[in-house]
PDB file of all heavy atoms in Angstrom:
ATOM      1  N   LEU A   1      91.998 113.187 100.613  1.00  0.00           N
ATOM      2  CA  LEU A   1      93.159 113.855 100.068  1.00  0.00           C
ATOM      3  C   LEU A   1      94.277 112.867 100.131  1.00  0.00           C
ATOM      4  O   LEU A   1      94.696 112.410 101.197  1.00  0.00           O
ATOM      5  CB  LEU A   1      93.476 115.082 100.948  1.00  0.00           C
ATOM      6  CG  LEU A   1      92.357 116.029 101.329  1.00  0.00           C
ATOM      7  CD1 LEU A   1      92.834 117.071 102.290  1.00  0.00           C
ATOM      8  CD2 LEU A   1      91.731 116.644 100.108  1.00  0.00           C
ATOM      9  N   LEU A   2      94.836 112.482  98.960  1.00  0.00           N
ATOM     10  CA  LEU A   2      95.847 111.472  98.901  1.00  0.00           C
ATOM     11  C   LEU A   2      97.141 112.130  98.481  1.00  0.00           C
ATOM     12  O   LEU A   2      97.252 112.809  97.471  1.00  0.00           O
ATOM     13  CB  LEU A   2      95.507 110.350  97.903  1.00  0.00           C
ATOM     14  CG  LEU A   2      94.138 109.654  98.200  1.00  0.00           C
ATOM     15  CD1 LEU A   2      93.997 108.440  97.239  1.00  0.00           C
ATOM     16  CD2 LEU A   2      94.056 109.148  99.630  1.00  0.00           C
ATOM     17  N   ALA A   3      98.214 111.937  99.311  1.00  0.00           N
ATOM     18  CA  ALA A   3      99.441 112.645  99.109  1.00  0.00           C
ATOM     19  C   ALA A   3     100.543 111.634  98.672  1.00  0.00           C
ATOM     20  O   ALA A   3     100.610 110.502  99.180  1.00  0.00           O
ATOM     21  CB  ALA A   3      99.901 113.318 100.400  1.00  0.00           C
ATOM     22  N   GLY A   4     101.365 112.086  97.720  1.00  0.00           N
ATOM     23  CA  GLY A   4     102.435 111.225  97.266  1.00  0.00           C
ATOM     24  C   GLY A   4     103.329 111.929  96.265  1.00  0.00           C
ATOM     25  O   GLY A   4     103.076 113.068  95.891  1.00  0.00           O
ATOM     26  N   ARG A   5     104.337 111.218  95.768  1.00  0.00           N
ATOM     27  CA  ARG A   5     105.255 111.823  94.796  1.00  0.00           C
ATOM     28  C   ARG A   5     104.712 111.798  93.363  1.00  0.00           C
ATOM     29  O   ARG A   5     105.095 112.616  92.540  1.00  0.00           O
ATOM     30  CB  ARG A   5     106.571 111.060  94.841  1.00  0.00           C
ATOM     31  CG  ARG A   5     107.404 111.361  96.099  1.00  0.00           C
ATOM     32  CD  ARG A   5     108.693 110.534  96.172  1.00  0.00           C
ATOM     33  NE  ARG A   5     108.370 109.078  96.313  1.00  0.00           N
ATOM     34  CZ  ARG A   5     109.328 108.187  96.519  1.00  0.00           C
ATOM     35  NH1 ARG A   5     110.598 108.488  96.473  1.00  0.00           N
ATOM     36  NH2 ARG A   5     109.000 106.896  96.681  1.00  0.00           N
ATOM     37  N   SER A   6     103.797 110.830  93.098  1.00  0.00           N
ATOM     38  CA  SER A   6     103.300 110.680  91.736  1.00  0.00           C
ATOM     39  C   SER A   6     101.786 110.656  91.744  1.00  0.00           C
ATOM     40  O   SER A   6     101.149 109.714  92.252  1.00  0.00           O
ATOM     41  CB  SER A   6     103.846 109.412  91.142  1.00  0.00           C
ATOM     42  OG  SER A   6     103.164 109.095  89.919  1.00  0.00           O
ATOM     43  N   GLU A   7     101.185 111.669  91.100  1.00  0.00           N
ATOM     44  CA  GLU A   7      99.714 111.685  90.968  1.00  0.00           C
ATOM     45  C   GLU A   7      99.283 110.577  90.109  1.00  0.00           C
ATOM     46  O   GLU A   7      98.262 109.917  90.355  1.00  0.00           O
ATOM     47  CB  GLU A   7      99.232 113.002  90.419  1.00  0.00           C
ATOM     48  CG  GLU A   7      97.737 113.103  90.224  1.00  0.00           C
ATOM     49  CD  GLU A   7      97.283 114.422  89.772  1.00  0.00           C
ATOM     50  OE1 GLU A   7      98.095 115.307  89.433  1.00  0.00           O
ATOM     51  OE2 GLU A   7      96.021 114.605  89.639  1.00  0.00           O
ATOM     52  N   GLN A   8     100.067 110.278  89.015  1.00  0.00           N
ATOM     53  CA  GLN A   8      99.659 109.221  88.088  1.00  0.00           C
ATOM     54  C   GLN A   8      99.579 107.855  88.739  1.00  0.00           C
ATOM     55  O   GLN A   8      98.701 107.049  88.531  1.00  0.00           O
ATOM     56  CB  GLN A   8     100.607 109.164  86.900  1.00  0.00           C
ATOM     57  CG  GLN A   8     100.165 108.300  85.766  1.00  0.00           C
ATOM     58  CD  GLN A   8      98.806 108.745  85.189  1.00  0.00           C
ATOM     59  OE1 GLN A   8      98.611 109.891  84.877  1.00  0.00           O
ATOM     60  NE2 GLN A   8      97.818 107.829  85.152  1.00  0.00           N
ATOM     61  N   ARG A   9     100.597 107.602  89.632  1.00  0.00           N
ATOM     62  CA  ARG A   9     100.573 106.308  90.353  1.00  0.00           C
ATOM     63  C   ARG A   9      99.338 106.166  91.208  1.00  0.00           C
ATOM     64  O   ARG A   9      98.709 105.105  91.293  1.00  0.00           O
ATOM     65  CB  ARG A   9     101.823 106.190  91.212  1.00  0.00           C
ATOM     66  CG  ARG A   9     101.972 104.854  91.916  1.00  0.00           C
ATOM     67  CD  ARG A   9     103.199 104.829  92.730  1.00  0.00           C
ATOM     68  NE  ARG A   9     103.324 103.532  93.481  1.00  0.00           N
ATOM     69  CZ  ARG A   9     104.218 103.306  94.432  1.00  0.00           C
ATOM     70  NH1 ARG A   9     105.077 104.186  94.807  1.00  0.00           N
ATOM     71  NH2 ARG A   9     104.216 102.106  94.983  1.00  0.00           N
ATOM     72  N   LEU A  10      98.944 107.269  91.931  1.00  0.00           N
ATOM     73  CA  LEU A  10      97.717 107.214  92.705  1.00  0.00           C
ATOM     74  C   LEU A  10      96.494 107.019  91.816  1.00  0.00           C
ATOM     75  O   LEU A  10      95.603 106.239  92.205  1.00  0.00           O
ATOM     76  CB  LEU A  10      97.601 108.513  93.500  1.00  0.00           C
ATOM     77  CG  LEU A  10      98.519 108.604  94.738  1.00  0.00           C
ATOM     78  CD1 LEU A  10      98.631 110.089  95.161  1.00  0.00           C
ATOM     79  CD2 LEU A  10      97.993 107.735  95.890  1.00  0.00           C
ATOM     80  N   ARG A  11      96.416 107.722  90.708  1.00  0.00           N
ATOM     81  CA  ARG A  11      95.255 107.579  89.805  1.00  0.00           C
ATOM     82  C   ARG A  11      95.221 106.141  89.274  1.00  0.00           C
ATOM     83  O   ARG A  11      94.090 105.571  89.242  1.00  0.00           O
ATOM     84  CB  ARG A  11      95.407 108.556  88.641  1.00  0.00           C
ATOM     85  CG  ARG A  11      95.402 110.040  89.041  1.00  0.00           C
ATOM     86  CD  ARG A  11      94.059 110.524  89.504  1.00  0.00           C
ATOM     87  NE  ARG A  11      94.134 111.901  89.942  1.00  0.00           N
ATOM     88  CZ  ARG A  11      93.183 112.493  90.703  1.00  0.00           C
ATOM     89  NH1 ARG A  11      92.093 111.825  91.026  1.00  0.00           N
ATOM     90  NH2 ARG A  11      93.335 113.739  91.080  1.00  0.00           N
ATOM     91  N   ASP A  12      96.344 105.620  88.905  1.00  0.00           N
ATOM     92  CA  ASP A  12      96.339 104.247  88.399  1.00  0.00           C
ATOM     93  C   ASP A  12      95.940 103.233  89.448  1.00  0.00           C
ATOM     94  O   ASP A  12      95.205 102.245  89.143  1.00  0.00           O
ATOM     95  CB  ASP A  12      97.734 103.887  87.858  1.00  0.00           C
ATOM     96  CG  ASP A  12      98.155 104.637  86.595  1.00  0.00           C
ATOM     97  OD1 ASP A  12      97.233 105.204  85.972  1.00  0.00           O
ATOM     98  OD2 ASP A  12      99.314 104.677  86.280  1.00  0.00           O
ATOM     99  N   ARG A  13      96.367 103.447  90.659  1.00  0.00           N
ATOM    100  CA  ARG A  13      96.063 102.509  91.726  1.00  0.00           C
ATOM    101  C   ARG A  13      94.633 102.434  92.102  1.00  0.00           C
ATOM    102  O   ARG A  13      94.047 101.336  92.348  1.00  0.00           O
ATOM    103  CB  ARG A  13      96.908 102.823  92.985  1.00  0.00           C
ATOM    104  CG  ARG A  13      96.577 102.021  94.227  1.00  0.00           C
ATOM    105  CD  ARG A  13      96.870 100.535  94.021  1.00  0.00           C
ATOM    106  NE  ARG A  13      96.527  99.763  95.260  1.00  0.00           N
ATOM    107  CZ  ARG A  13      95.274  99.448  95.526  1.00  0.00           C
ATOM    108  NH1 ARG A  13      94.249  99.757  94.803  1.00  0.00           N
ATOM    109  NH2 ARG A  13      95.055  98.682  96.644  1.00  0.00           N
ATOM    110  N   PHE A  14      93.905 103.547  92.050  1.00  0.00           N
ATOM    111  CA  PHE A  14      92.551 103.579  92.567  1.00  0.00           C
ATOM    112  C   PHE A  14      91.492 103.849  91.482  1.00  0.00           C
ATOM    113  O   PHE A  14      90.274 103.963  91.805  1.00  0.00           O
ATOM    114  CB  PHE A  14      92.417 104.615  93.662  1.00  0.00           C
ATOM    115  CG  PHE A  14      93.254 104.347  94.864  1.00  0.00           C
ATOM    116  CD1 PHE A  14      94.386 105.060  95.217  1.00  0.00           C
ATOM    117  CD2 PHE A  14      92.917 103.253  95.692  1.00  0.00           C
ATOM    118  CE1 PHE A  14      95.147 104.751  96.312  1.00  0.00           C
ATOM    119  CE2 PHE A  14      93.698 102.962  96.797  1.00  0.00           C
ATOM    120  CZ  PHE A  14      94.813 103.718  97.109  1.00  0.00           C
ATOM    121  N   ARG A  15      91.944 103.857  90.226  1.00  0.00           N
ATOM    122  CA  ARG A  15      90.952 104.174  89.137  1.00  0.00           C
ATOM    123  C   ARG A  15      89.845 103.125  89.086  1.00  0.00           C
ATOM    124  O   ARG A  15      88.609 103.477  89.040  1.00  0.00           O
ATOM    125  CB  ARG A  15      91.711 104.209  87.772  1.00  0.00           C
ATOM    126  CG  ARG A  15      90.748 104.548  86.637  1.00  0.00           C
ATOM    127  CD  ARG A  15      91.463 104.673  85.337  1.00  0.00           C
ATOM    128  NE  ARG A  15      92.311 105.795  85.299  1.00  0.00           N
ATOM    129  CZ  ARG A  15      93.682 105.765  85.304  1.00  0.00           C
ATOM    130  NH1 ARG A  15      94.325 104.642  85.338  1.00  0.00           N
ATOM    131  NH2 ARG A  15      94.379 106.888  85.318  1.00  0.00           N
ATOM    132  N   LYS A  16      90.187 101.848  89.156  1.00  0.00           N
ATOM    133  CA  LYS A  16      89.195 100.796  89.022  1.00  0.00           C
ATOM    134  C   LYS A  16      88.316 100.701  90.227  1.00  0.00           C
ATOM    135  O   LYS A  16      87.240 100.098  90.220  1.00  0.00           O
ATOM    136  CB  LYS A  16      89.877  99.445  88.734  1.00  0.00           C
ATOM    137  CG  LYS A  16      90.515  99.408  87.360  1.00  0.00           C
ATOM    138  CD  LYS A  16      91.071  98.061  87.049  1.00  0.00           C
ATOM    139  CE  LYS A  16      91.673  98.037  85.628  1.00  0.00           C
ATOM    140  NZ  LYS A  16      92.333  96.678  85.352  1.00  0.00           N
ATOM    141  N   ALA A  17      88.756 101.302  91.332  1.00  0.00           N
ATOM    142  CA  ALA A  17      87.930 101.297  92.552  1.00  0.00           C
ATOM    143  C   ALA A  17      86.870 102.438  92.507  1.00  0.00           C
ATOM    144  O   ALA A  17      85.951 102.465  93.323  1.00  0.00           O
ATOM    145  CB  ALA A  17      88.775 101.444  93.800  1.00  0.00           C
ATOM    146  N   GLY A  18      87.129 103.349  91.564  1.00  0.00           N
ATOM    147  CA  GLY A  18      86.205 104.501  91.433  1.00  0.00           C
ATOM    148  C   GLY A  18      86.398 105.492  92.591  1.00  0.00           C
ATOM    149  O   GLY A  18      85.494 106.233  92.918  1.00  0.00           O
ATOM    150  N   THR A  19      87.637 105.508  93.174  1.00  0.00           N
ATOM    151  CA  THR A  19      87.880 106.401  94.271  1.00  0.00           C
ATOM    152  C   THR A  19      88.023 107.843  93.808  1.00  0.00           C
ATOM    153  O   THR A  19      88.797 108.156  92.899  1.00  0.00           O
ATOM    154  CB  THR A  19      89.216 105.996  94.990  1.00  0.00           C
ATOM    155  OG1 THR A  19      89.072 104.639  95.414  1.00  0.00           O
ATOM    156  CG2 THR A  19      89.468 106.868  96.178  1.00  0.00           C
ATOM    157  N   GLU A  20      87.278 108.747  94.449  1.00  0.00           N
ATOM    158  CA  GLU A  20      87.407 110.161  94.153  1.00  0.00           C
ATOM    159  C   GLU A  20      88.319 110.848  95.227  1.00  0.00           C
ATOM    160  O   GLU A  20      88.076 110.626  96.411  1.00  0.00           O
ATOM    161  CB  GLU A  20      86.000 110.815  94.192  1.00  0.00           C
ATOM    162  CG  GLU A  20      85.067 110.273  93.105  1.00  0.00           C
ATOM    163  CD  GLU A  20      83.678 110.896  93.183  1.00  0.00           C
ATOM    164  OE1 GLU A  20      83.444 111.664  94.177  1.00  0.00           O
ATOM    165  OE2 GLU A  20      82.852 110.601  92.355  1.00  0.00           O
ATOM    166  N   PHE A  21      89.309 111.556  94.745  1.00  0.00           N
ATOM    167  CA  PHE A  21      90.245 112.156  95.701  1.00  0.00           C
ATOM    168  C   PHE A  21      90.895 113.398  95.136  1.00  0.00           C
ATOM    169  O   PHE A  21      90.924 113.570  93.911  1.00  0.00           O
ATOM    170  CB  PHE A  21      91.275 111.145  96.204  1.00  0.00           C
ATOM    171  CG  PHE A  21      92.256 110.704  95.099  1.00  0.00           C
ATOM    172  CD1 PHE A  21      93.436 111.388  94.868  1.00  0.00           C
ATOM    173  CD2 PHE A  21      91.954 109.558  94.372  1.00  0.00           C
ATOM    174  CE1 PHE A  21      94.311 110.981  93.833  1.00  0.00           C
ATOM    175  CE2 PHE A  21      92.837 109.134  93.371  1.00  0.00           C
ATOM    176  CZ  PHE A  21      94.021 109.815  93.136  1.00  0.00           C
ATOM    177  N   THR A  22      91.461 114.192  96.038  1.00  0.00           N
ATOM    178  CA  THR A  22      92.237 115.353  95.584  1.00  0.00           C
ATOM    179  C   THR A  22      93.710 114.985  95.828  1.00  0.00           C
ATOM    180  O   THR A  22      94.061 114.448  96.889  1.00  0.00           O
ATOM    181  CB  THR A  22      91.908 116.570  96.472  1.00  0.00           C
ATOM    182  OG1 THR A  22      90.541 116.897  96.306  1.00  0.00           O
ATOM    183  CG2 THR A  22      92.797 117.766  96.079  1.00  0.00           C
ATOM    184  N   TYR A  23      94.544 115.203  94.827  1.00  0.00           N
ATOM    185  CA  TYR A  23      95.946 114.900  94.908  1.00  0.00           C
ATOM    186  C   TYR A  23      96.744 115.984  95.612  1.00  0.00           C
ATOM    187  O   TYR A  23      96.553 117.150  95.307  1.00  0.00           O
ATOM    188  CB  TYR A  23      96.552 114.647  93.522  1.00  0.00           C
ATOM    189  CG  TYR A  23      98.038 114.529  93.508  1.00  0.00           C
ATOM    190  CD1 TYR A  23      98.690 113.455  94.120  1.00  0.00           C
ATOM    191  CD2 TYR A  23      98.847 115.505  92.948  1.00  0.00           C
ATOM    192  CE1 TYR A  23     100.074 113.318  94.134  1.00  0.00           C
ATOM    193  CE2 TYR A  23     100.290 115.404  92.962  1.00  0.00           C
ATOM    194  CZ  TYR A  23     100.826 114.294  93.583  1.00  0.00           C
ATOM    195  OH  TYR A  23     102.214 114.236  93.581  1.00  0.00           O
ATOM    196  N   ILE A  24      97.601 115.600  96.552  1.00  0.00           N
ATOM    197  CA  ILE A  24      98.493 116.505  97.258  1.00  0.00           C
ATOM    198  C   ILE A  24      99.903 116.074  97.039  1.00  0.00           C
ATOM    199  O   ILE A  24     100.288 114.946  97.427  1.00  0.00           O
ATOM    200  CB  ILE A  24      98.202 116.543  98.743  1.00  0.00           C
ATOM    201  CG1 ILE A  24      96.709 116.787  99.080  1.00  0.00           C
ATOM    202  CG2 ILE A  24      99.105 117.531  99.490  1.00  0.00           C
ATOM    203  CD1 ILE A  24      96.232 118.148  98.657  1.00  0.00           C
ATOM    204  N   PRO A  25     100.783 116.887  96.371  1.00  0.00           N
ATOM    205  CA  PRO A  25     102.182 116.460  96.222  1.00  0.00           C
ATOM    206  C   PRO A  25     102.915 116.370  97.546  1.00  0.00           C
ATOM    207  O   PRO A  25     102.810 117.264  98.383  1.00  0.00           O
ATOM    208  CB  PRO A  25     102.738 117.571  95.341  1.00  0.00           C
ATOM    209  CG  PRO A  25     101.839 118.742  95.578  1.00  0.00           C
ATOM    210  CD  PRO A  25     100.507 118.219  95.863  1.00  0.00           C
ATOM    211  N   PHE A  26     103.663 115.279  97.693  1.00  0.00           N
ATOM    212  CA  PHE A  26     104.400 115.063  98.978  1.00  0.00           C
ATOM    213  C   PHE A  26     105.546 114.108  98.761  1.00  0.00           C
ATOM    214  O   PHE A  26     105.360 113.023  98.200  1.00  0.00           O
ATOM    215  CB  PHE A  26     103.463 114.561 100.072  1.00  0.00           C
ATOM    216  CG  PHE A  26     104.112 114.216 101.382  1.00  0.00           C
ATOM    217  CD1 PHE A  26     104.748 115.178 102.155  1.00  0.00           C
ATOM    218  CD2 PHE A  26     104.174 112.862 101.801  1.00  0.00           C
ATOM    219  CE1 PHE A  26     105.317 114.858 103.363  1.00  0.00           C
ATOM    220  CE2 PHE A  26     104.743 112.536 102.993  1.00  0.00           C
ATOM    221  CZ  PHE A  26     105.371 113.535 103.769  1.00  0.00           C
ATOM    222  N   ASP A  27     106.683 114.447  99.279  1.00  0.00           N
ATOM    223  CA  ASP A  27     107.880 113.582  99.276  1.00  0.00           C
ATOM    224  C   ASP A  27     108.400 113.479 100.694  1.00  0.00           C
ATOM    225  O   ASP A  27     108.839 114.520 101.227  1.00  0.00           O
ATOM    226  CB  ASP A  27     108.930 114.051  98.289  1.00  0.00           C
ATOM    227  CG  ASP A  27     110.108 113.130  98.149  1.00  0.00           C
ATOM    228  OD1 ASP A  27     110.334 112.289  99.056  1.00  0.00           O
ATOM    229  OD2 ASP A  27     110.822 113.191  97.133  1.00  0.00           O
ATOM    230  N   ALA A  28     108.352 112.322 101.323  1.00  0.00           N
ATOM    231  CA  ALA A  28     108.754 112.189 102.725  1.00  0.00           C
ATOM    232  C   ALA A  28     110.220 112.481 102.954  1.00  0.00           C
ATOM    233  O   ALA A  28     110.616 112.709 104.110  1.00  0.00           O
ATOM    234  CB  ALA A  28     108.388 110.808 103.221  1.00  0.00           C
ATOM    235  N   THR A  29     111.017 112.413 101.903  1.00  0.00           N
ATOM    236  CA  THR A  29     112.453 112.675 102.077  1.00  0.00           C
ATOM    237  C   THR A  29     112.802 114.121 101.953  1.00  0.00           C
ATOM    238  O   THR A  29     113.979 114.501 102.156  1.00  0.00           O
ATOM    239  CB  THR A  29     113.300 111.864 101.055  1.00  0.00           C
ATOM    240  OG1 THR A  29     112.982 112.326  99.720  1.00  0.00           O
ATOM    241  CG2 THR A  29     113.002 110.361 101.165  1.00  0.00           C
ATOM    242  N   LYS A  30     111.824 114.979 101.693  1.00  0.00           N
ATOM    243  CA  LYS A  30     112.065 116.437 101.540  1.00  0.00           C
ATOM    244  C   LYS A  30     111.224 117.196 102.527  1.00  0.00           C
ATOM    245  O   LYS A  30     110.074 116.798 102.854  1.00  0.00           O
ATOM    246  CB  LYS A  30     111.753 116.845 100.065  1.00  0.00           C
ATOM    247  CG  LYS A  30     112.637 116.175  99.053  1.00  0.00           C
ATOM    248  CD  LYS A  30     112.268 116.623  97.640  1.00  0.00           C
ATOM    249  CE  LYS A  30     113.171 115.885  96.640  1.00  0.00           C
ATOM    250  NZ  LYS A  30     112.750 116.255  95.253  1.00  0.00           N
ATOM    251  N   THR A  31     111.759 118.301 102.989  1.00  0.00           N
ATOM    252  CA  THR A  31     111.026 119.093 104.027  1.00  0.00           C
ATOM    253  C   THR A  31     109.888 119.847 103.321  1.00  0.00           C
ATOM    254  O   THR A  31     109.940 120.173 102.159  1.00  0.00           O
ATOM    255  CB  THR A  31     111.980 120.074 104.724  1.00  0.00           C
ATOM    256  OG1 THR A  31     112.580 120.919 103.710  1.00  0.00           O
ATOM    257  CG2 THR A  31     113.077 119.386 105.468  1.00  0.00           C
ATOM    258  N   GLY A  32     108.886 120.130 104.116  1.00  0.00           N
ATOM    259  CA  GLY A  32     107.806 120.980 103.671  1.00  0.00           C
ATOM    260  C   GLY A  32     106.599 120.113 103.225  1.00  0.00           C
ATOM    261  O   GLY A  32     106.701 118.963 102.826  1.00  0.00           O
TER     262      GLY A  32
END
């Protein structure tokens, strides 16, 4: 489960590695 502000950035970063993951929206500067 990979968390971050941008799903596209995560997809772009690990696409060529063939990494399978579930995206979780997360911003460290915001609560929740």
